[in-house]
Amino acid sequence: MVPVTAADVAAVHPRLAAHVRRTPVLELRLGDLGLTGEVAHAPLVAKLDLLQPTGSFKVRGAVALLTDPALQERLRAAGVIAASGGNFGLAVAWAAARLGVTATVVVPSSSPRAKLDPIAALGAELVLVDGVYADAFAAAEGSRAASGAVLAHAYDQPQVVAGQGTSVRELLASAERLDTVLVACGGGGLLAGTIAAVADRIRVVAVETHGTATLHTALAAGQPVDVVVSGQSASSLGARRIGAHAWAVRDRLAAALLVTDTEVADAQRRLWQAARLVAEPGGAVALAALTSGRYRPAADERIGVLLCGANTDPGSVAPVPPPR
């Protein structure tokens, strides 16, 4: 397996321009998020990929795959099939509808309705299976073998990884200077794309929850291994095993951190209070490393964070106060 490079990310980026938003960045101080002490004045540059048309960064990888010139004949003939906890399936359904491609999306029945309903509304065939993402992927593989459709992998496919890397590529182009970027990790597609895009120019820190710790567990074992998936972030970070692309570039990581579901929920609330932005649990995981103190920036360190998903019930993050 050949890792994706900065050149690969740059090559797919122009294909995304007509379909994917160049989302804004938001500059804050950690004090804006309620942190106190020495870190309160530390700068934070947030890439707002939760403002993508499908509510997550994953539309980048989906468009990169479905616009690959080498796949057009197969896509026209047999369509695309994807397995997903929700966000990638929504991204594939949206990209397929936009590009005139027939799509089937296989999803665990436990995925939230906020992710499932829009998939069906976009015209994709929605197939529910019992279990977690790995079970959905096995079902999608079986269907793909029978139909000849292009299989879209949520995090371990070169075109998808390169597409995801365009998020931090845009962040670097927009930010005055960054020293470190924090990235949520599930299967590792965004992480691998980020490492490719930065090309050793800045530090990359991976952040996982205890219930979705594919990378942390693999690093401890010395090889990718299956994990038991659980917790509030499972629908977006719920891969059972770290992907080969992320594992191949693990030596380029500055750190791999773990946060709790409680710390993620706290980060979601702080983001809402500071910027009126609603992030789903998986979308706030990287931010939680900062707001929990799991990552403490050095003096004058400029931190970037990818806010990567918003597909949740807004009331769970920002309840409407009762009328006075």
Protein backbone atom coordinates (compact mmCIF):
# COMPACT_ATOMS: atom_id res chain seq x y z
CA MET A 1 0.00 0.00 0.00
CA VAL A 2 1.50 3.33 -1.14
CA PRO A 3 0.64 6.24 1.18
CA VAL A 4 -1.20 9.24 -0.23
CA THR A 5 1.07 12.25 -0.78
CA ALA A 6 0.71 16.01 -0.81
CA ALA A 7 0.82 15.83 -4.61
CA ASP A 8 -2.17 13.46 -4.59
CA VAL A 9 -4.14 15.86 -2.40
CA ALA A 10 -3.25 18.77 -4.67
CA ALA A 11 -4.25 16.78 -7.75
CA VAL A 12 -7.79 15.98 -6.55
CA HIS A 13 -8.44 19.42 -5.07
CA PRO A 14 -9.49 21.13 -8.36
CA ARG A 15 -12.10 18.39 -8.99
CA LEU A 16 -13.85 19.37 -5.77
CA ALA A 17 -14.20 23.08 -6.55
CA ALA A 18 -17.53 22.84 -8.38
CA HIS A 19 -19.15 20.69 -5.69
CA VAL A 20 -17.59 21.15 -2.25
CA ARG A 21 -17.63 24.32 -0.17
CA ARG A 22 -14.37 26.01 0.67
CA THR A 23 -15.47 26.33 4.26
CA PRO A 24 -14.35 29.28 6.38
CA VAL A 25 -11.95 29.31 9.29
CA LEU A 26 -12.77 30.83 12.66
CA GLU A 27 -10.04 32.40 14.80
CA LEU A 28 -10.54 32.24 18.57
CA ARG A 29 -8.60 32.35 21.80
CA LEU A 30 -8.96 29.41 24.14
CA GLY A 31 -10.34 31.88 26.64
CA ASP A 32 -13.32 32.34 24.31
CA LEU A 33 -14.13 28.70 25.03
CA GLY A 34 -14.05 29.31 28.78
CA LEU A 35 -10.51 28.15 29.47
CA THR A 36 -8.59 30.09 32.08
CA GLY A 37 -5.01 30.54 33.20
CA GLU A 38 -1.98 30.64 30.94
CA VAL A 39 -3.74 28.96 28.02
CA ALA A 40 -6.58 31.51 27.86
CA HIS A 41 -4.69 33.67 25.37
CA ALA A 42 -3.54 30.76 23.18
CA PRO A 43 -4.76 31.21 19.58
CA LEU A 44 -6.97 28.64 17.89
CA VAL A 45 -7.82 28.45 14.18
CA ALA A 46 -10.82 26.21 13.50
CA LYS A 47 -11.63 24.85 10.05
CA LEU A 48 -15.42 24.73 9.83
CA ASP A 49 -16.02 21.65 7.71
CA LEU A 50 -19.19 21.04 9.69
CA LEU A 51 -20.64 23.66 7.29
CA GLN A 52 -20.32 21.36 4.27
CA PRO A 53 -23.56 20.62 2.33
CA THR A 54 -23.87 17.23 4.04
CA GLY A 55 -22.77 18.45 7.46
CA SER A 56 -19.33 16.81 7.47
CA PHE A 57 -15.93 16.78 5.79
CA LYS A 58 -16.67 13.40 4.22
CA VAL A 59 -18.27 14.97 1.17
CA ARG A 60 -14.70 15.79 0.08
CA GLY A 61 -13.68 12.15 -0.18
CA ALA A 62 -16.95 11.13 -1.78
CA VAL A 63 -16.65 13.74 -4.54
CA ALA A 64 -12.97 12.90 -5.08
CA LEU A 65 -13.89 9.26 -5.65
CA LEU A 66 -16.95 9.82 -7.83
CA THR A 67 -15.14 12.29 -10.09
CA ASP A 68 -12.14 10.00 -10.63
CA PRO A 69 -11.79 9.82 -14.44
CA ALA A 70 -10.71 6.18 -14.27
CA LEU A 71 -13.98 5.12 -12.62
CA GLN A 72 -16.52 6.89 -14.83
CA GLU A 73 -17.39 3.93 -17.06
CA ARG A 74 -18.04 1.63 -14.08
CA LEU A 75 -19.99 4.30 -12.22
CA ARG A 76 -22.28 4.89 -15.20
CA ALA A 77 -22.83 1.17 -15.70
CA ALA A 78 -23.26 -0.09 -12.13
CA GLY A 79 -23.28 2.85 -9.74
CA VAL A 80 -21.62 3.11 -6.34
CA ILE A 81 -22.14 1.28 -3.06
CA ALA A 82 -20.89 2.52 0.30
CA ALA A 83 -20.92 1.37 3.91
CA SER A 84 -21.16 4.03 6.55
CA GLY A 85 -22.07 4.91 10.10
CA GLY A 86 -23.99 7.76 8.51
CA ASN A 87 -21.79 10.69 7.50
CA PHE A 88 -19.93 9.03 4.64
CA GLY A 89 -23.12 7.43 3.36
CA LEU A 90 -24.80 10.82 3.35
CA ALA A 91 -21.80 12.26 1.51
CA VAL A 92 -21.89 9.50 -1.13
CA ALA A 93 -25.66 9.86 -1.58
CA TRP A 94 -25.32 13.63 -2.02
CA ALA A 95 -22.38 13.39 -4.44
CA ALA A 96 -24.07 10.61 -6.43
CA ALA A 97 -27.28 12.62 -6.78
CA ARG A 98 -25.31 15.67 -7.90
CA LEU A 99 -23.28 13.68 -10.42
CA GLY A 100 -26.09 11.46 -11.75
CA VAL A 101 -24.77 8.20 -10.29
CA THR A 102 -26.94 5.43 -8.83
CA ALA A 103 -26.06 4.89 -5.15
CA THR A 104 -26.66 2.25 -2.49
CA VAL A 105 -25.71 2.99 1.12
CA VAL A 106 -25.45 0.25 3.75
CA VAL A 107 -25.74 1.56 7.30
CA PRO A 108 -25.95 0.04 10.81
CA SER A 109 -29.53 0.25 12.08
CA SER A 110 -28.21 1.98 15.24
CA SER A 111 -27.15 5.08 13.28
CA PRO A 112 -29.06 8.23 14.25
CA ARG A 113 -32.07 9.34 12.22
CA ALA A 114 -30.37 12.70 11.67
CA LYS A 115 -28.00 10.83 9.36
CA LEU A 116 -30.30 8.17 7.90
CA ASP A 117 -33.30 10.22 6.81
CA PRO A 118 -31.33 12.55 4.49
CA ILE A 119 -29.67 9.57 2.76
CA ALA A 120 -33.02 8.22 1.67
CA ALA A 121 -34.28 11.72 0.81
CA LEU A 122 -31.39 12.11 -1.66
CA GLY A 123 -32.61 9.09 -3.63
CA ALA A 124 -30.02 6.53 -2.58
CA GLU A 125 -31.12 3.01 -1.75
CA LEU A 126 -30.73 2.75 2.03
CA VAL A 127 -29.97 -0.70 3.43
CA LEU A 128 -29.98 -1.20 7.21
CA VAL A 129 -28.04 -4.04 8.84
CA ASP A 130 -27.64 -5.08 12.46
CA GLY A 131 -24.32 -4.38 14.14
CA VAL A 132 -21.68 -1.69 13.63
CA TYR A 133 -19.81 -0.17 10.68
CA ALA A 134 -17.74 -3.32 10.06
CA ASP A 135 -20.94 -5.34 9.62
CA ALA A 136 -22.29 -2.77 7.16
CA PHE A 137 -19.04 -2.89 5.20
CA ALA A 138 -19.14 -6.68 4.95
CA ALA A 139 -22.68 -6.46 3.57
CA ALA A 140 -21.63 -3.77 1.09
CA GLU A 141 -18.71 -5.89 -0.12
CA GLY A 142 -21.06 -8.79 -0.79
CA SER A 143 -23.46 -6.60 -2.76
CA ARG A 144 -20.63 -5.02 -4.72
CA ALA A 145 -19.34 -8.43 -5.81
CA ALA A 146 -22.76 -9.29 -7.20
CA SER A 147 -23.56 -5.96 -8.85
CA GLY A 148 -20.18 -4.75 -10.12
CA ALA A 149 -20.74 -1.34 -8.49
CA VAL A 150 -17.80 0.79 -7.39
CA LEU A 151 -17.19 0.22 -3.70
CA ALA A 152 -16.66 3.47 -1.79
CA HIS A 153 -14.63 2.97 1.37
CA ALA A 154 -15.27 5.52 4.10
CA TYR A 155 -11.63 5.93 5.16
CA ASP A 156 -9.21 3.53 3.47
CA GLN A 157 -9.25 4.30 -0.26
CA PRO A 158 -6.61 6.51 -1.95
CA GLN A 159 -9.08 8.84 -3.68
CA VAL A 160 -11.10 9.26 -0.49
CA VAL A 161 -8.02 9.89 1.67
CA ALA A 162 -6.72 12.47 -0.81
CA GLY A 163 -10.11 14.19 -0.88
CA GLN A 164 -10.24 14.39 2.91
CA GLY A 165 -6.78 15.93 2.93
CA THR A 166 -8.07 18.97 1.05
CA SER A 167 -9.66 20.24 4.27
CA VAL A 168 -6.35 20.90 6.02
CA ARG A 169 -4.82 22.01 2.72
CA GLU A 170 -7.36 24.84 2.69
CA LEU A 171 -6.76 25.51 6.39
CA LEU A 172 -3.05 25.97 5.78
CA ALA A 173 -3.77 28.33 2.88
CA SER A 174 -6.12 30.42 5.04
CA ALA A 175 -4.21 30.57 8.32
CA GLU A 176 -1.42 33.06 8.89
CA ARG A 177 0.72 30.43 10.61
CA LEU A 178 0.09 27.09 12.26
CA ASP A 179 2.39 24.94 14.36
CA THR A 180 0.06 22.03 15.14
CA VAL A 181 -3.25 20.67 13.88
CA LEU A 182 -5.55 18.41 15.92
CA VAL A 183 -7.58 15.82 14.00
CA ALA A 184 -10.29 13.38 15.07
CA CYS A 185 -9.51 9.76 14.21
CA GLY A 186 -11.86 6.84 13.69
CA GLY A 187 -10.78 4.72 10.73
CA GLY A 188 -8.14 7.33 9.97
CA GLY A 189 -9.06 8.68 6.53
CA LEU A 190 -9.05 12.31 7.64
CA LEU A 191 -5.89 11.70 9.65
CA ALA A 192 -4.04 10.09 6.73
CA GLY A 193 -5.21 12.85 4.37
CA THR A 194 -4.09 15.51 6.84
CA ILE A 195 -0.65 13.97 7.27
CA ALA A 196 -0.30 13.81 3.48
CA ALA A 197 -1.40 17.41 3.00
CA VAL A 198 0.87 18.98 5.63
CA ALA A 199 3.92 17.15 4.25
CA ASP A 200 5.86 17.52 7.54
CA ARG A 201 5.38 21.32 7.60
CA ILE A 202 3.47 21.20 10.91
CA ARG A 203 2.78 18.74 13.73
CA VAL A 204 -0.29 16.49 13.51
CA VAL A 205 -2.01 15.21 16.66
CA ALA A 206 -4.65 12.46 16.45
CA VAL A 207 -7.55 12.50 18.92
CA GLU A 208 -9.86 9.56 19.67
CA THR A 209 -12.46 8.69 22.27
CA HIS A 210 -12.02 5.76 24.62
CA GLY A 211 -14.90 4.02 22.84
CA THR A 212 -13.43 4.41 19.33
CA ALA A 213 -9.71 4.00 20.03
CA THR A 214 -8.58 2.15 16.91
CA LEU A 215 -5.26 3.99 16.61
CA HIS A 216 -4.43 3.98 20.32
CA THR A 217 -5.09 0.24 20.53
CA ALA A 218 -3.05 -0.50 17.40
CA LEU A 219 -0.10 1.52 18.68
CA ALA A 220 -0.17 -0.40 21.95
CA ALA A 221 -0.38 -3.75 20.12
CA GLY A 222 2.18 -2.86 17.46
CA GLN A 223 -0.29 -3.64 14.69
CA PRO A 224 -3.90 -2.89 13.69
CA VAL A 225 -6.35 -4.90 15.77
CA ASP A 226 -10.13 -4.95 16.16
CA VAL A 227 -11.67 -2.87 18.95
CA VAL A 228 -15.07 -2.88 20.59
CA VAL A 229 -16.85 0.27 19.40
CA SER A 230 -19.00 2.23 21.83
CA GLY A 231 -19.97 5.71 22.96
CA GLN A 232 -21.52 8.88 21.60
CA SER A 233 -19.01 9.26 18.73
CA ALA A 234 -19.47 5.75 17.35
CA SER A 235 -21.73 6.78 14.46
CA SER A 236 -18.98 8.95 12.95
CA LEU A 237 -15.76 7.44 14.38
CA GLY A 238 -16.97 3.87 14.75
CA ALA A 239 -14.52 1.91 12.61
CA ARG A 240 -13.55 -1.40 14.21
CA ARG A 241 -9.91 -1.18 13.10
CA ILE A 242 -7.53 1.61 12.04
CA GLY A 243 -7.20 1.83 8.26
CA ALA A 244 -4.08 0.80 6.38
CA HIS A 245 -3.49 4.34 5.07
CA ALA A 246 -3.45 5.87 8.55
CA TRP A 247 -1.36 3.05 9.98
CA ALA A 248 1.22 3.44 7.21
CA VAL A 249 1.96 7.04 8.28
CA ARG A 250 1.80 6.59 12.06
CA ASP A 251 5.47 7.52 12.47
CA ARG A 252 4.64 11.05 11.28
CA LEU A 253 2.25 11.66 14.17
CA ALA A 254 3.33 14.04 16.92
CA ALA A 255 0.94 12.45 19.43
CA ALA A 256 -2.18 10.29 19.76
CA LEU A 257 -4.58 11.35 22.53
CA LEU A 258 -7.72 9.95 24.12
CA VAL A 259 -10.72 11.90 25.41
CA THR A 260 -13.88 10.81 27.20
CA ASP A 261 -17.46 11.16 26.02
CA THR A 262 -18.04 13.62 28.86
CA GLU A 263 -15.15 15.77 27.64
CA VAL A 264 -16.52 15.68 24.09
CA ALA A 265 -19.97 16.78 25.29
CA ASP A 266 -18.31 19.62 27.19
CA ALA A 267 -16.46 20.69 24.02
CA GLN A 268 -19.75 20.68 22.10
CA ARG A 269 -21.35 22.97 24.68
CA ARG A 270 -18.37 25.32 24.78
CA LEU A 271 -18.37 25.61 20.98
CA TRP A 272 -22.06 26.46 20.99
CA GLN A 273 -21.64 29.05 23.73
CA ALA A 274 -18.59 30.67 22.10
CA ALA A 275 -19.56 30.60 18.41
CA ARG A 276 -23.14 29.31 18.11
CA LEU A 277 -21.86 26.31 16.16
CA VAL A 278 -23.43 22.87 16.60
CA ALA A 279 -20.98 19.97 16.30
CA GLU A 280 -21.88 16.32 16.54
CA PRO A 281 -19.83 14.33 19.09
CA GLY A 282 -17.34 13.06 16.49
CA GLY A 283 -17.04 16.55 15.06
CA ALA A 284 -15.96 17.95 18.42
CA VAL A 285 -13.47 15.24 19.40
CA ALA A 286 -10.39 17.15 18.26
CA LEU A 287 -11.56 20.29 20.07
CA ALA A 288 -12.13 18.25 23.22
CA ALA A 289 -8.40 17.57 23.46
CA LEU A 290 -7.93 21.32 24.01
CA THR A 291 -10.94 22.10 26.19
CA SER A 292 -10.21 19.11 28.46
CA GLY A 293 -6.53 19.96 28.84
CA ARG A 294 -5.43 16.67 27.29
CA TYR A 295 -3.43 18.82 24.88
CA ARG A 296 -1.80 21.89 26.39
CA PRO A 297 -0.26 24.25 23.83
CA ALA A 298 3.18 25.65 24.41
CA ALA A 299 3.74 29.38 24.72
CA ASP A 300 3.07 31.10 21.36
CA GLU A 301 2.00 27.80 19.73
CA ARG A 302 -0.67 28.33 17.07
CA ILE A 303 -3.15 25.46 16.99
CA GLY A 304 -5.46 24.41 14.18
CA VAL A 305 -8.42 22.12 14.75
CA LEU A 306 -10.73 20.45 12.25
CA LEU A 307 -14.38 20.77 13.29
CA CYS A 308 -15.53 18.01 11.02
CA GLY A 309 -19.19 17.16 11.57
CA ALA A 310 -22.57 18.62 12.56
CA ASN A 311 -25.07 15.81 11.98
CA THR A 312 -26.83 15.68 15.32
CA ASP A 313 -29.99 16.92 16.95
CA PRO A 314 -29.22 20.59 17.63
CA GLY A 315 -31.32 20.47 20.79
CA SER A 316 -28.91 17.93 22.30
CA VAL A 317 -26.16 20.53 22.19
CA ALA A 318 -28.01 23.82 22.44
CA PRO A 319 -31.38 23.37 24.16
CA VAL A 320 -33.78 26.24 23.67
CA PRO A 321 -34.31 28.05 26.99
CA PRO A 322 -37.86 28.25 28.33
CA PRO A 323 -39.72 31.50 27.59
CA ARG A 324 -39.55 34.18 30.26
